[in-house]
Amino acid sequence: MRLLIWLVVALAVFTWIKRALAPTASGQRRPSPGEEKPETMLQCARCGVHFPASEAVRGAGDSVFCSADHRG
């Protein structure tokens, strides 16, 4: 019984290490939680909501909006 428990623990550790070191679909390994860089947040010129820069809808000049509806 003790051998079975050690076998399960070893399998769990092996699986955890394998997932941590596995590359993602883009070929790069996943960053650890401490390695992730926060994304720049922007504020909608119309409603004031903060959102990630990657989701920004650009308007005239330097204006940014949270959606195409707010731009229009």
N, C-alpha and C. Protein backbone atom coordinates (compact mmCIF):
# COMPACT_ATOMS: atom_id res chain seq x y z
N MET A 1 0.82 -1.19 0.00
CA MET A 1 0.00 0.00 0.00
C MET A 1 0.88 1.27 0.00
N ARG A 2 1.95 1.25 0.77
CA ARG A 2 2.85 2.39 0.84
C ARG A 2 3.51 2.62 -0.52
N LEU A 3 3.84 1.55 -1.22
CA LEU A 3 4.45 1.66 -2.54
C LEU A 3 3.49 2.33 -3.53
N LEU A 4 2.22 1.99 -3.44
CA LEU A 4 1.21 2.57 -4.32
C LEU A 4 1.10 4.08 -4.08
N ILE A 5 1.13 4.52 -2.83
CA ILE A 5 1.04 5.94 -2.51
C ILE A 5 2.25 6.68 -3.08
N TRP A 6 3.46 6.13 -2.91
CA TRP A 6 4.67 6.76 -3.45
C TRP A 6 4.63 6.81 -4.97
N LEU A 7 4.07 5.80 -5.59
CA LEU A 7 3.96 5.78 -7.04
C LEU A 7 3.03 6.89 -7.54
N VAL A 8 1.92 7.10 -6.86
CA VAL A 8 0.97 8.15 -7.23
C VAL A 8 1.60 9.52 -7.03
N VAL A 9 2.33 9.71 -5.92
CA VAL A 9 2.99 10.99 -5.66
C VAL A 9 4.05 11.26 -6.73
N ALA A 10 4.84 10.26 -7.07
CA ALA A 10 5.87 10.42 -8.09
C ALA A 10 5.25 10.76 -9.44
N LEU A 11 4.17 10.13 -9.79
CA LEU A 11 3.48 10.42 -11.05
C LEU A 11 2.95 11.85 -11.07
N ALA A 12 2.40 12.31 -9.96
CA ALA A 12 1.88 13.68 -9.88
C ALA A 12 3.01 14.69 -10.04
N VAL A 13 4.14 14.46 -9.39
CA VAL A 13 5.28 15.37 -9.50
C VAL A 13 5.82 15.38 -10.92
N PHE A 14 5.93 14.22 -11.53
CA PHE A 14 6.41 14.12 -12.91
C PHE A 14 5.49 14.89 -13.86
N THR A 15 4.18 14.74 -13.70
CA THR A 15 3.22 15.43 -14.56
C THR A 15 3.31 16.94 -14.37
N TRP A 16 3.45 17.39 -13.13
CA TRP A 16 3.55 18.81 -12.83
C TRP A 16 4.80 19.42 -13.47
N ILE A 17 5.93 18.74 -13.36
CA ILE A 17 7.18 19.23 -13.95
C ILE A 17 7.10 19.23 -15.47
N LYS A 18 6.51 18.20 -16.04
CA LYS A 18 6.38 18.11 -17.50
C LYS A 18 5.53 19.26 -18.04
N ARG A 19 4.43 19.59 -17.35
CA ARG A 19 3.58 20.70 -17.80
C ARG A 19 4.27 22.04 -17.64
N ALA A 20 5.03 22.21 -16.58
CA ALA A 20 5.70 23.48 -16.33
C ALA A 20 6.77 23.76 -17.38
N LEU A 21 7.41 22.73 -17.90
CA LEU A 21 8.49 22.90 -18.86
C LEU A 21 8.04 22.75 -20.31
N ALA A 22 6.80 22.38 -20.54
CA ALA A 22 6.30 22.14 -21.90
C ALA A 22 6.15 23.45 -22.65
N PRO A 23 6.51 23.48 -23.93
CA PRO A 23 6.32 24.70 -24.73
C PRO A 23 4.84 24.89 -25.07
N THR A 24 4.46 26.13 -25.30
CA THR A 24 3.09 26.42 -25.72
C THR A 24 2.98 26.22 -27.22
N ALA A 25 1.83 26.53 -27.79
CA ALA A 25 1.61 26.36 -29.23
C ALA A 25 2.56 27.23 -30.06
N SER A 26 3.00 28.36 -29.49
CA SER A 26 3.89 29.25 -30.23
C SER A 26 5.34 28.82 -30.14
N GLY A 27 5.62 27.75 -29.40
CA GLY A 27 6.97 27.25 -29.31
C GLY A 27 7.76 27.79 -28.13
N GLN A 28 7.14 28.64 -27.34
CA GLN A 28 7.80 29.19 -26.16
C GLN A 28 7.21 28.56 -24.92
N ARG A 29 8.03 28.45 -23.88
CA ARG A 29 7.49 27.89 -22.64
C ARG A 29 6.62 28.93 -21.96
N ARG A 30 5.69 28.46 -21.14
CA ARG A 30 4.80 29.37 -20.44
C ARG A 30 5.57 30.14 -19.38
N PRO A 31 5.30 31.42 -19.24
CA PRO A 31 5.98 32.17 -18.18
C PRO A 31 5.43 31.81 -16.82
N SER A 32 6.27 31.84 -15.83
CA SER A 32 5.84 31.61 -14.46
C SER A 32 5.01 32.81 -14.02
N PRO A 33 4.18 32.66 -13.00
CA PRO A 33 3.37 33.80 -12.56
C PRO A 33 4.19 35.04 -12.23
N GLY A 34 5.39 34.89 -11.73
CA GLY A 34 6.23 36.04 -11.41
C GLY A 34 6.88 36.66 -12.63
N GLU A 35 6.93 35.94 -13.75
CA GLU A 35 7.59 36.42 -14.97
C GLU A 35 6.67 37.20 -15.89
N GLU A 36 5.38 37.09 -15.70
CA GLU A 36 4.43 37.74 -16.59
C GLU A 36 4.52 39.25 -16.44
N LYS A 37 4.58 39.95 -17.57
CA LYS A 37 4.61 41.40 -17.53
C LYS A 37 3.17 41.90 -17.65
N PRO A 38 2.79 42.84 -16.82
CA PRO A 38 1.43 43.35 -16.90
C PRO A 38 1.22 44.15 -18.18
N GLU A 39 0.05 44.05 -18.73
CA GLU A 39 -0.27 44.77 -19.96
C GLU A 39 -0.70 46.20 -19.61
N THR A 40 -0.36 47.12 -20.47
CA THR A 40 -0.72 48.52 -20.26
C THR A 40 -2.24 48.66 -20.34
N MET A 41 -2.78 49.40 -19.40
CA MET A 41 -4.22 49.65 -19.37
C MET A 41 -4.49 51.06 -19.90
N LEU A 42 -5.55 51.18 -20.67
CA LEU A 42 -5.96 52.47 -21.23
C LEU A 42 -7.35 52.80 -20.73
N GLN A 43 -7.74 54.08 -20.86
CA GLN A 43 -9.05 54.52 -20.43
C GLN A 43 -9.85 54.99 -21.64
N CYS A 44 -11.08 54.51 -21.74
CA CYS A 44 -11.95 54.89 -22.85
C CYS A 44 -12.24 56.39 -22.79
N ALA A 45 -12.12 57.07 -23.93
CA ALA A 45 -12.35 58.51 -23.99
C ALA A 45 -13.83 58.86 -23.81
N ARG A 46 -14.72 57.89 -23.99
CA ARG A 46 -16.15 58.18 -23.88
C ARG A 46 -16.72 57.80 -22.53
N CYS A 47 -16.47 56.55 -22.07
CA CYS A 47 -17.13 56.09 -20.84
C CYS A 47 -16.18 56.01 -19.64
N GLY A 48 -14.88 56.08 -19.87
CA GLY A 48 -13.93 56.07 -18.76
C GLY A 48 -13.53 54.70 -18.26
N VAL A 49 -14.01 53.64 -18.89
CA VAL A 49 -13.66 52.28 -18.48
C VAL A 49 -12.21 52.00 -18.82
N HIS A 50 -11.51 51.31 -17.92
CA HIS A 50 -10.13 50.90 -18.18
C HIS A 50 -10.13 49.52 -18.82
N PHE A 51 -9.25 49.32 -19.81
CA PHE A 51 -9.19 48.06 -20.55
C PHE A 51 -7.77 47.86 -21.06
N PRO A 52 -7.41 46.60 -21.41
CA PRO A 52 -6.05 46.33 -21.90
C PRO A 52 -5.80 47.02 -23.24
N ALA A 53 -4.55 47.45 -23.45
CA ALA A 53 -4.19 48.16 -24.68
C ALA A 53 -4.39 47.30 -25.92
N SER A 54 -4.29 45.98 -25.78
CA SER A 54 -4.47 45.11 -26.94
C SER A 54 -5.91 45.10 -27.45
N GLU A 55 -6.85 45.56 -26.64
CA GLU A 55 -8.27 45.58 -27.05
C GLU A 55 -8.72 46.98 -27.48
N ALA A 56 -7.81 47.92 -27.58
CA ALA A 56 -8.17 49.31 -27.87
C ALA A 56 -8.65 49.48 -29.30
N VAL A 57 -9.61 50.38 -29.44
CA VAL A 57 -10.09 50.81 -30.75
C VAL A 57 -9.64 52.25 -30.88
N ARG A 58 -8.80 52.53 -31.87
CA ARG A 58 -8.22 53.86 -32.04
C ARG A 58 -9.19 54.78 -32.76
N GLY A 59 -9.19 56.01 -32.32
CA GLY A 59 -10.01 57.04 -32.94
C GLY A 59 -9.14 58.10 -33.56
N ALA A 60 -9.72 59.24 -33.85
CA ALA A 60 -8.98 60.37 -34.43
C ALA A 60 -7.97 60.89 -33.41
N GLY A 61 -6.80 61.20 -33.89
CA GLY A 61 -5.76 61.71 -32.99
C GLY A 61 -5.26 60.63 -32.06
N ASP A 62 -5.14 60.96 -30.80
CA ASP A 62 -4.66 59.99 -29.81
C ASP A 62 -5.80 59.36 -29.02
N SER A 63 -7.03 59.52 -29.44
CA SER A 63 -8.17 58.99 -28.70
C SER A 63 -8.22 57.47 -28.80
N VAL A 64 -8.53 56.83 -27.67
CA VAL A 64 -8.73 55.39 -27.64
C VAL A 64 -10.09 55.11 -27.02
N PHE A 65 -10.73 54.05 -27.51
CA PHE A 65 -12.06 53.68 -27.06
C PHE A 65 -12.11 52.20 -26.73
N CYS A 66 -13.05 51.82 -25.88
CA CYS A 66 -13.16 50.42 -25.46
C CYS A 66 -13.88 49.56 -26.51
N SER A 67 -14.63 50.19 -27.41
CA SER A 67 -15.34 49.44 -28.45
C SER A 67 -15.59 50.35 -29.65
N ALA A 68 -15.96 49.71 -30.75
CA ALA A 68 -16.27 50.48 -31.96
C ALA A 68 -17.52 51.33 -31.77
N ASP A 69 -18.46 50.86 -30.93
CA ASP A 69 -19.67 51.64 -30.67
C ASP A 69 -19.33 52.97 -29.99
N HIS A 70 -18.37 52.97 -29.09
CA HIS A 70 -18.00 54.20 -28.40
C HIS A 70 -17.15 55.11 -29.29
N ARG A 71 -16.49 54.56 -30.27
CA ARG A 71 -15.73 55.38 -31.20
C ARG A 71 -16.67 56.14 -32.12
N GLY A 72 -17.74 55.45 -32.55
CA GLY A 72 -18.62 55.98 -33.55
C GLY A 72 -19.57 56.99 -33.02
